[in-house]
Amino acid sequence: MLFSKASLALIASSILLLLTAHTEAHSYADCIDWRFNSKNKSWADNNGHCAGYARCFPLGAKKFAKLDSDDPNRHYQQSHNDPDKAPLCSNGRSGEESGADETMAKPWTAAYNSKDKHGRKTGTYTVTKVDGTLCIRWPAKNHTVPDENDPSTFNIGISDVNPSKDPSQEYFNKHIIARLDYKNCTKAGSIDTWPCGGCFNISISVKLGHHVLQWRWRLNEKEWHTSCADLDVKA
């Protein structure tokens, strides 16, 4: 079968679009402190609100699940060479996909209730209690179909109290406080934009004060995606 140059160009463009869409279909933490409006544990926008965000999270920048195409995008992918020695949080430069800079600000509160480089307001930080419950939300990004072999769990790690800088990834690997089901989603609209989430308890052993929290998900072997946030833990 022979194809015209125009047909070949169209086919090539279509393949490129598909590859681009697949490449950008990576998740991130959309909300660190999701509060349900009712006993119906739906992760949809109309069933709750966000009371705490990841660092420098732009409010109202794009619709839910669309920040993977923001400038810079929100999905930081750690280096494949040795992800356990990669920066815990995006520094805006390193990694397979550098993502938005989420290193600890000085003071750490400066990453919140401020403005990003585009002048957009950033979200507030999370205030929680010892022995309280936190619920985190993220977009499915095409990785929750039943027959897909992607790992369905990811880790929530937490630092010691009042760190002066972000701890190492190796430290966080030893301080995992929860493992959540990535595919725990509300089926609403396109699978790319299904809202997903999970809840976990803040242990009574966690000290009062400032802590760094990491959301870390493995898509493929050595392909880790992370989001970072700060917690103010109170009595």
C-alpha atoms as a PDB file:
ATOM      1  CA  MET A   1       0.000   0.000   0.000  1.00  0.00           C
ATOM      2  CA  LEU A   2       1.360   3.410  -0.983  1.00  0.00           C
ATOM      3  CA  PHE A   3       0.871   6.565   1.045  1.00  0.00           C
ATOM      4  CA  SER A   4       1.106  10.142  -0.122  1.00  0.00           C
ATOM      5  CA  LYS A   5       3.549  12.502   1.559  1.00  0.00           C
ATOM      6  CA  ALA A   6       0.605  14.271   3.186  1.00  0.00           C
ATOM      7  CA  SER A   7      -0.714  10.989   4.606  1.00  0.00           C
ATOM      8  CA  LEU A   8       2.701  10.012   5.945  1.00  0.00           C
ATOM      9  CA  ALA A   9       3.073  13.425   7.573  1.00  0.00           C
ATOM     10  CA  LEU A  10      -0.344  13.063   9.201  1.00  0.00           C
ATOM     11  CA  ILE A  11       0.501   9.579  10.503  1.00  0.00           C
ATOM     12  CA  ALA A  12       3.841  10.801  11.879  1.00  0.00           C
ATOM     13  CA  SER A  13       2.147  13.741  13.599  1.00  0.00           C
ATOM     14  CA  SER A  14      -0.466  11.462  15.153  1.00  0.00           C
ATOM     15  CA  ILE A  15       2.200   9.102  16.504  1.00  0.00           C
ATOM     16  CA  LEU A  16       4.132  12.045  17.941  1.00  0.00           C
ATOM     17  CA  LEU A  17       1.022  13.336  19.684  1.00  0.00           C
ATOM     18  CA  LEU A  18       0.331   9.920  21.184  1.00  0.00           C
ATOM     19  CA  LEU A  19       3.895   9.593  22.431  1.00  0.00           C
ATOM     20  CA  THR A  20       3.827  13.094  23.878  1.00  0.00           C
ATOM     21  CA  ALA A  21       0.556  12.425  25.671  1.00  0.00           C
ATOM     22  CA  HIS A  22       1.963   9.205  27.132  1.00  0.00           C
ATOM     23  CA  THR A  23       5.166  10.930  28.207  1.00  0.00           C
ATOM     24  CA  GLU A  24       3.297  13.692  30.005  1.00  0.00           C
ATOM     25  CA  ALA A  25       0.785  11.360  31.680  1.00  0.00           C
ATOM     26  CA  HIS A  26       2.588  11.426  35.013  1.00  0.00           C
ATOM     27  CA  SER A  27       1.022  12.131  38.355  1.00  0.00           C
ATOM     28  CA  TYR A  28       1.763  14.429  41.292  1.00  0.00           C
ATOM     29  CA  ALA A  29       0.160  15.334  44.615  1.00  0.00           C
ATOM     30  CA  ASP A  30      -2.737  17.674  43.879  1.00  0.00           C
ATOM     31  CA  CYS A  31      -3.721  18.163  47.524  1.00  0.00           C
ATOM     32  CA  ILE A  32      -1.985  17.217  50.771  1.00  0.00           C
ATOM     33  CA  ASP A  33      -4.943  17.840  53.094  1.00  0.00           C
ATOM     34  CA  TRP A  34      -8.194  16.892  51.358  1.00  0.00           C
ATOM     35  CA  ARG A  35     -11.335  17.427  53.454  1.00  0.00           C
ATOM     36  CA  PHE A  36     -14.507  15.545  52.494  1.00  0.00           C
ATOM     37  CA  ASN A  37     -17.795  17.440  52.607  1.00  0.00           C
ATOM     38  CA  SER A  38     -19.788  14.353  53.560  1.00  0.00           C
ATOM     39  CA  LYS A  39     -19.494  10.711  54.541  1.00  0.00           C
ATOM     40  CA  ASN A  40     -19.421   9.900  50.832  1.00  0.00           C
ATOM     41  CA  LYS A  41     -15.668   9.428  50.301  1.00  0.00           C
ATOM     42  CA  SER A  42     -15.601  10.727  46.741  1.00  0.00           C
ATOM     43  CA  TRP A  43     -12.436  12.492  45.580  1.00  0.00           C
ATOM     44  CA  ALA A  44     -14.323  14.667  43.090  1.00  0.00           C
ATOM     45  CA  ASP A  45     -14.066  18.462  43.343  1.00  0.00           C
ATOM     46  CA  ASN A  46     -17.712  18.836  44.339  1.00  0.00           C
ATOM     47  CA  ASN A  47     -17.358  16.491  47.303  1.00  0.00           C
ATOM     48  CA  GLY A  48     -14.619  18.230  49.252  1.00  0.00           C
ATOM     49  CA  HIS A  49     -11.990  20.949  49.393  1.00  0.00           C
ATOM     50  CA  CYS A  50      -8.241  21.243  49.836  1.00  0.00           C
ATOM     51  CA  ALA A  51      -6.927  22.691  53.107  1.00  0.00           C
ATOM     52  CA  GLY A  52      -3.206  22.193  52.417  1.00  0.00           C
ATOM     53  CA  TYR A  53      -1.011  21.925  49.322  1.00  0.00           C
ATOM     54  CA  ALA A  54       2.406  20.859  48.079  1.00  0.00           C
ATOM     55  CA  ARG A  55       5.148  23.481  47.967  1.00  0.00           C
ATOM     56  CA  CYS A  56       4.622  26.416  45.584  1.00  0.00           C
ATOM     57  CA  PHE A  57       1.400  24.883  44.251  1.00  0.00           C
ATOM     58  CA  PRO A  58      -0.287  27.375  41.863  1.00  0.00           C
ATOM     59  CA  LEU A  59      -3.952  27.875  42.708  1.00  0.00           C
ATOM     60  CA  GLY A  60      -6.368  28.082  39.797  1.00  0.00           C
ATOM     61  CA  ALA A  61      -3.560  27.809  37.247  1.00  0.00           C
ATOM     62  CA  LYS A  62      -5.210  24.984  35.315  1.00  0.00           C
ATOM     63  CA  LYS A  63      -8.058  22.533  35.716  1.00  0.00           C
ATOM     64  CA  PHE A  64      -7.581  19.460  37.907  1.00  0.00           C
ATOM     65  CA  ALA A  65      -4.994  16.993  36.521  1.00  0.00           C
ATOM     66  CA  LYS A  66      -3.629  19.446  33.943  1.00  0.00           C
ATOM     67  CA  LEU A  67      -0.527  20.741  35.742  1.00  0.00           C
ATOM     68  CA  ASP A  68       1.664  18.231  33.902  1.00  0.00           C
ATOM     69  CA  SER A  69       1.572  20.781  31.065  1.00  0.00           C
ATOM     70  CA  ASP A  70       2.180  23.817  33.262  1.00  0.00           C
ATOM     71  CA  ASP A  71       5.354  25.942  33.126  1.00  0.00           C
ATOM     72  CA  PRO A  72       7.158  24.314  34.804  1.00  0.00           C
ATOM     73  CA  ASN A  73       5.168  21.098  35.075  1.00  0.00           C
ATOM     74  CA  ARG A  74       4.432  19.522  38.457  1.00  0.00           C
ATOM     75  CA  HIS A  75       5.720  16.003  37.825  1.00  0.00           C
ATOM     76  CA  TYR A  76       9.284  15.582  39.056  1.00  0.00           C
ATOM     77  CA  GLN A  77      10.834  12.282  37.998  1.00  0.00           C
ATOM     78  CA  GLN A  78      13.982  11.326  39.870  1.00  0.00           C
ATOM     79  CA  SER A  79      17.121  10.190  38.047  1.00  0.00           C
ATOM     80  CA  HIS A  80      17.025   6.600  36.790  1.00  0.00           C
ATOM     81  CA  ASN A  81      20.723   6.081  37.525  1.00  0.00           C
ATOM     82  CA  ASP A  82      20.238   5.882  41.288  1.00  0.00           C
ATOM     83  CA  PRO A  83      16.861   7.277  42.377  1.00  0.00           C
ATOM     84  CA  ASP A  84      17.578   6.571  46.039  1.00  0.00           C
ATOM     85  CA  LYS A  85      20.415   9.095  45.887  1.00  0.00           C
ATOM     86  CA  ALA A  86      18.445  11.667  43.890  1.00  0.00           C
ATOM     87  CA  PRO A  87      17.157  14.903  45.440  1.00  0.00           C
ATOM     88  CA  LEU A  88      14.141  14.221  47.626  1.00  0.00           C
ATOM     89  CA  CYS A  89      12.217  17.083  46.030  1.00  0.00           C
ATOM     90  CA  SER A  90      12.560  18.750  42.648  1.00  0.00           C
ATOM     91  CA  ASN A  91      15.188  21.485  42.489  1.00  0.00           C
ATOM     92  CA  GLY A  92      13.956  22.553  39.056  1.00  0.00           C
ATOM     93  CA  ARG A  93      17.124  21.224  37.369  1.00  0.00           C
ATOM     94  CA  SER A  94      17.828  17.562  38.177  1.00  0.00           C
ATOM     95  CA  GLY A  95      16.115  14.329  37.230  1.00  0.00           C
ATOM     96  CA  GLU A  96      14.659  12.708  34.138  1.00  0.00           C
ATOM     97  CA  GLU A  97      11.948  15.373  34.332  1.00  0.00           C
ATOM     98  CA  SER A  98      12.922  18.282  36.549  1.00  0.00           C
ATOM     99  CA  GLY A  99       9.422  19.573  37.326  1.00  0.00           C
ATOM    100  CA  ALA A 100       8.702  22.632  39.456  1.00  0.00           C
ATOM    101  CA  ASP A 101      11.212  23.611  42.148  1.00  0.00           C
ATOM    102  CA  GLU A 102       9.985  22.179  45.457  1.00  0.00           C
ATOM    103  CA  THR A 103      13.104  22.497  47.611  1.00  0.00           C
ATOM    104  CA  MET A 104      12.588  23.806  51.127  1.00  0.00           C
ATOM    105  CA  ALA A 105      12.199  27.584  51.253  1.00  0.00           C
ATOM    106  CA  LYS A 106      13.822  29.785  53.896  1.00  0.00           C
ATOM    107  CA  PRO A 107      11.773  30.157  55.967  1.00  0.00           C
ATOM    108  CA  TRP A 108       9.835  27.069  54.941  1.00  0.00           C
ATOM    109  CA  THR A 109       6.547  28.990  55.090  1.00  0.00           C
ATOM    110  CA  ALA A 110       7.689  31.177  52.156  1.00  0.00           C
ATOM    111  CA  ALA A 111       6.626  28.415  49.741  1.00  0.00           C
ATOM    112  CA  TYR A 112       2.994  29.044  50.692  1.00  0.00           C
ATOM    113  CA  ASN A 113       0.426  31.850  50.585  1.00  0.00           C
ATOM    114  CA  SER A 114       2.714  33.699  48.208  1.00  0.00           C
ATOM    115  CA  LYS A 115       3.081  34.049  44.416  1.00  0.00           C
ATOM    116  CA  ASP A 116       4.973  31.982  41.860  1.00  0.00           C
ATOM    117  CA  LYS A 117       7.112  33.341  39.012  1.00  0.00           C
ATOM    118  CA  HIS A 118       3.967  33.932  36.942  1.00  0.00           C
ATOM    119  CA  GLY A 119       2.370  35.980  39.704  1.00  0.00           C
ATOM    120  CA  ARG A 120      -0.127  33.251  40.601  1.00  0.00           C
ATOM    121  CA  LYS A 121      -1.150  32.745  44.208  1.00  0.00           C
ATOM    122  CA  THR A 122       0.247  29.610  45.844  1.00  0.00           C
ATOM    123  CA  GLY A 123      -1.651  27.361  48.234  1.00  0.00           C
ATOM    124  CA  THR A 124      -1.428  27.230  52.000  1.00  0.00           C
ATOM    125  CA  TYR A 125       0.533  24.664  53.997  1.00  0.00           C
ATOM    126  CA  THR A 126      -0.989  21.779  55.923  1.00  0.00           C
ATOM    127  CA  VAL A 127      -1.762  22.047  59.618  1.00  0.00           C
ATOM    128  CA  THR A 128      -2.515  18.710  61.249  1.00  0.00           C
ATOM    129  CA  LYS A 129      -2.615  17.090  64.666  1.00  0.00           C
ATOM    130  CA  VAL A 130      -0.825  14.214  66.345  1.00  0.00           C
ATOM    131  CA  ASP A 131      -2.973  11.098  65.958  1.00  0.00           C
ATOM    132  CA  GLY A 132      -4.984  12.945  63.318  1.00  0.00           C
ATOM    133  CA  THR A 133      -5.793  11.807  59.785  1.00  0.00           C
ATOM    134  CA  LEU A 134      -4.485  13.260  56.530  1.00  0.00           C
ATOM    135  CA  CYS A 135      -6.032  12.545  53.139  1.00  0.00           C
ATOM    136  CA  ILE A 136      -3.945  13.171  50.006  1.00  0.00           C
ATOM    137  CA  ARG A 137      -5.362  13.532  46.483  1.00  0.00           C
ATOM    138  CA  TRP A 138      -3.725  13.004  43.072  1.00  0.00           C
ATOM    139  CA  PRO A 139      -4.837  12.612  39.414  1.00  0.00           C
ATOM    140  CA  ALA A 140      -4.921   9.122  37.860  1.00  0.00           C
ATOM    141  CA  LYS A 141      -3.148  10.210  34.645  1.00  0.00           C
ATOM    142  CA  ASN A 142      -4.119   7.049  32.710  1.00  0.00           C
ATOM    143  CA  HIS A 143      -2.408   4.704  35.187  1.00  0.00           C
ATOM    144  CA  THR A 144      -5.385   3.134  36.949  1.00  0.00           C
ATOM    145  CA  VAL A 145      -6.869   0.804  34.331  1.00  0.00           C
ATOM    146  CA  PRO A 146      -7.463  -2.661  35.871  1.00  0.00           C
ATOM    147  CA  ASP A 147      -5.257  -4.582  33.418  1.00  0.00           C
ATOM    148  CA  GLU A 148      -2.292  -2.208  33.662  1.00  0.00           C
ATOM    149  CA  ASN A 149       0.758  -3.613  35.418  1.00  0.00           C
ATOM    150  CA  ASP A 150       1.856  -0.347  37.012  1.00  0.00           C
ATOM    151  CA  PRO A 151       2.596  -0.641  40.729  1.00  0.00           C
ATOM    152  CA  SER A 152      -0.566   0.334  42.592  1.00  0.00           C
ATOM    153  CA  THR A 153       1.083   1.492  45.816  1.00  0.00           C
ATOM    154  CA  PHE A 154       3.254   4.408  46.743  1.00  0.00           C
ATOM    155  CA  ASN A 155       4.976   5.695  49.840  1.00  0.00           C
ATOM    156  CA  ILE A 156       4.351   8.589  52.192  1.00  0.00           C
ATOM    157  CA  GLY A 157       7.490   9.564  54.095  1.00  0.00           C
ATOM    158  CA  ILE A 158       7.980  12.111  56.860  1.00  0.00           C
ATOM    159  CA  SER A 159      11.046  13.827  58.306  1.00  0.00           C
ATOM    160  CA  ASP A 160      12.103  14.399  61.878  1.00  0.00           C
ATOM    161  CA  VAL A 161      10.928  17.612  63.505  1.00  0.00           C
ATOM    162  CA  ASN A 162      12.177  21.062  62.413  1.00  0.00           C
ATOM    163  CA  PRO A 163      14.747  20.085  59.745  1.00  0.00           C
ATOM    164  CA  SER A 164      17.001  22.889  58.485  1.00  0.00           C
ATOM    165  CA  LYS A 165      16.943  21.452  54.948  1.00  0.00           C
ATOM    166  CA  ASP A 166      15.350  18.606  53.022  1.00  0.00           C
ATOM    167  CA  PRO A 167      16.639  15.223  54.231  1.00  0.00           C
ATOM    168  CA  SER A 168      18.043  12.699  51.760  1.00  0.00           C
ATOM    169  CA  GLN A 169      15.953  10.177  49.854  1.00  0.00           C
ATOM    170  CA  GLU A 170      17.781   7.390  51.676  1.00  0.00           C
ATOM    171  CA  TYR A 171      16.609   8.883  54.987  1.00  0.00           C
ATOM    172  CA  PHE A 172      13.012   9.003  53.793  1.00  0.00           C
ATOM    173  CA  ASN A 173      13.147   5.400  52.603  1.00  0.00           C
ATOM    174  CA  LYS A 174      13.639   4.475  56.256  1.00  0.00           C
ATOM    175  CA  HIS A 175      10.869   6.767  57.521  1.00  0.00           C
ATOM    176  CA  ILE A 176       7.807   5.690  55.564  1.00  0.00           C
ATOM    177  CA  ILE A 177       4.628   6.234  57.573  1.00  0.00           C
ATOM    178  CA  ALA A 178       2.067   4.987  55.037  1.00  0.00           C
ATOM    179  CA  ARG A 179       1.682   2.982  51.835  1.00  0.00           C
ATOM    180  CA  LEU A 180      -1.397   3.949  49.847  1.00  0.00           C
ATOM    181  CA  ASP A 181      -3.251   2.407  46.915  1.00  0.00           C
ATOM    182  CA  TYR A 182      -2.554   4.505  43.812  1.00  0.00           C
ATOM    183  CA  LYS A 183      -5.653   3.159  42.060  1.00  0.00           C
ATOM    184  CA  ASN A 184      -8.108   4.258  44.763  1.00  0.00           C
ATOM    185  CA  CYS A 185      -9.989   6.619  42.445  1.00  0.00           C
ATOM    186  CA  THR A 186     -13.384   8.162  41.832  1.00  0.00           C
ATOM    187  CA  LYS A 187     -14.431   7.297  38.280  1.00  0.00           C
ATOM    188  CA  ALA A 188     -15.531  10.645  36.917  1.00  0.00           C
ATOM    189  CA  GLY A 189     -14.962  11.706  33.312  1.00  0.00           C
ATOM    190  CA  SER A 190     -11.807  10.730  31.424  1.00  0.00           C
ATOM    191  CA  ILE A 191      -9.511   8.197  33.115  1.00  0.00           C
ATOM    192  CA  ASP A 192      -6.715  10.741  32.689  1.00  0.00           C
ATOM    193  CA  THR A 193      -8.495  13.068  35.100  1.00  0.00           C
ATOM    194  CA  TRP A 194      -9.969  10.611  37.579  1.00  0.00           C
ATOM    195  CA  PRO A 195      -9.365  12.025  41.073  1.00  0.00           C
ATOM    196  CA  CYS A 196      -7.668   9.514  43.373  1.00  0.00           C
ATOM    197  CA  GLY A 197      -6.672   9.610  47.004  1.00  0.00           C
ATOM    198  CA  GLY A 198      -5.841   7.910  50.247  1.00  0.00           C
ATOM    199  CA  CYS A 199      -5.856   8.642  53.969  1.00  0.00           C
ATOM    200  CA  PHE A 200      -3.416   7.789  56.740  1.00  0.00           C
ATOM    201  CA  ASN A 201      -2.849   8.474  60.410  1.00  0.00           C
ATOM    202  CA  ILE A 202      -0.259  10.843  61.896  1.00  0.00           C
ATOM    203  CA  SER A 203       1.366   8.661  64.537  1.00  0.00           C
ATOM    204  CA  ILE A 204       1.404   9.754  68.168  1.00  0.00           C
ATOM    205  CA  SER A 205       5.196   9.366  67.956  1.00  0.00           C
ATOM    206  CA  VAL A 206       5.428  12.344  65.576  1.00  0.00           C
ATOM    207  CA  LYS A 207       6.753  15.380  67.453  1.00  0.00           C
ATOM    208  CA  LEU A 208       5.062  18.769  67.423  1.00  0.00           C
ATOM    209  CA  GLY A 209       6.468  21.249  64.927  1.00  0.00           C
ATOM    210  CA  HIS A 210       7.522  21.428  61.282  1.00  0.00           C
ATOM    211  CA  HIS A 211       7.983  18.257  59.215  1.00  0.00           C
ATOM    212  CA  VAL A 212       8.719  17.566  55.540  1.00  0.00           C
ATOM    213  CA  LEU A 213       6.362  15.131  53.806  1.00  0.00           C
ATOM    214  CA  GLN A 214       7.106  13.271  50.567  1.00  0.00           C
ATOM    215  CA  TRP A 215       4.627  11.617  48.188  1.00  0.00           C
ATOM    216  CA  ARG A 216       6.616   9.048  46.147  1.00  0.00           C
ATOM    217  CA  TRP A 217       5.210   6.799  43.436  1.00  0.00           C
ATOM    218  CA  ARG A 218       7.001   4.253  41.228  1.00  0.00           C
ATOM    219  CA  LEU A 219       5.584   3.985  37.710  1.00  0.00           C
ATOM    220  CA  ASN A 220       8.210   1.643  36.235  1.00  0.00           C
ATOM    221  CA  GLU A 221      11.453   0.146  37.492  1.00  0.00           C
ATOM    222  CA  LYS A 222      13.650   3.002  38.771  1.00  0.00           C
ATOM    223  CA  GLU A 223      11.034   5.534  37.595  1.00  0.00           C
ATOM    224  CA  TRP A 224      10.004   7.425  40.708  1.00  0.00           C
ATOM    225  CA  HIS A 225       7.798  10.522  40.816  1.00  0.00           C
ATOM    226  CA  THR A 226       7.635  12.709  43.907  1.00  0.00           C
ATOM    227  CA  SER A 227       5.897  15.725  45.406  1.00  0.00           C
ATOM    228  CA  CYS A 228       6.979  17.516  48.585  1.00  0.00           C
ATOM    229  CA  ALA A 229       5.064  19.446  51.209  1.00  0.00           C
ATOM    230  CA  ASP A 230       5.459  20.817  54.719  1.00  0.00           C
ATOM    231  CA  LEU A 231       3.368  19.922  57.743  1.00  0.00           C
ATOM    232  CA  ASP A 232       2.810  21.974  60.869  1.00  0.00           C
ATOM    233  CA  VAL A 233       1.966  19.344  63.477  1.00  0.00           C
ATOM    234  CA  LYS A 234       0.106  20.578  66.536  1.00  0.00           C
ATOM    235  CA  ALA A 235      -1.224  18.984  69.719  1.00  0.00           C
END
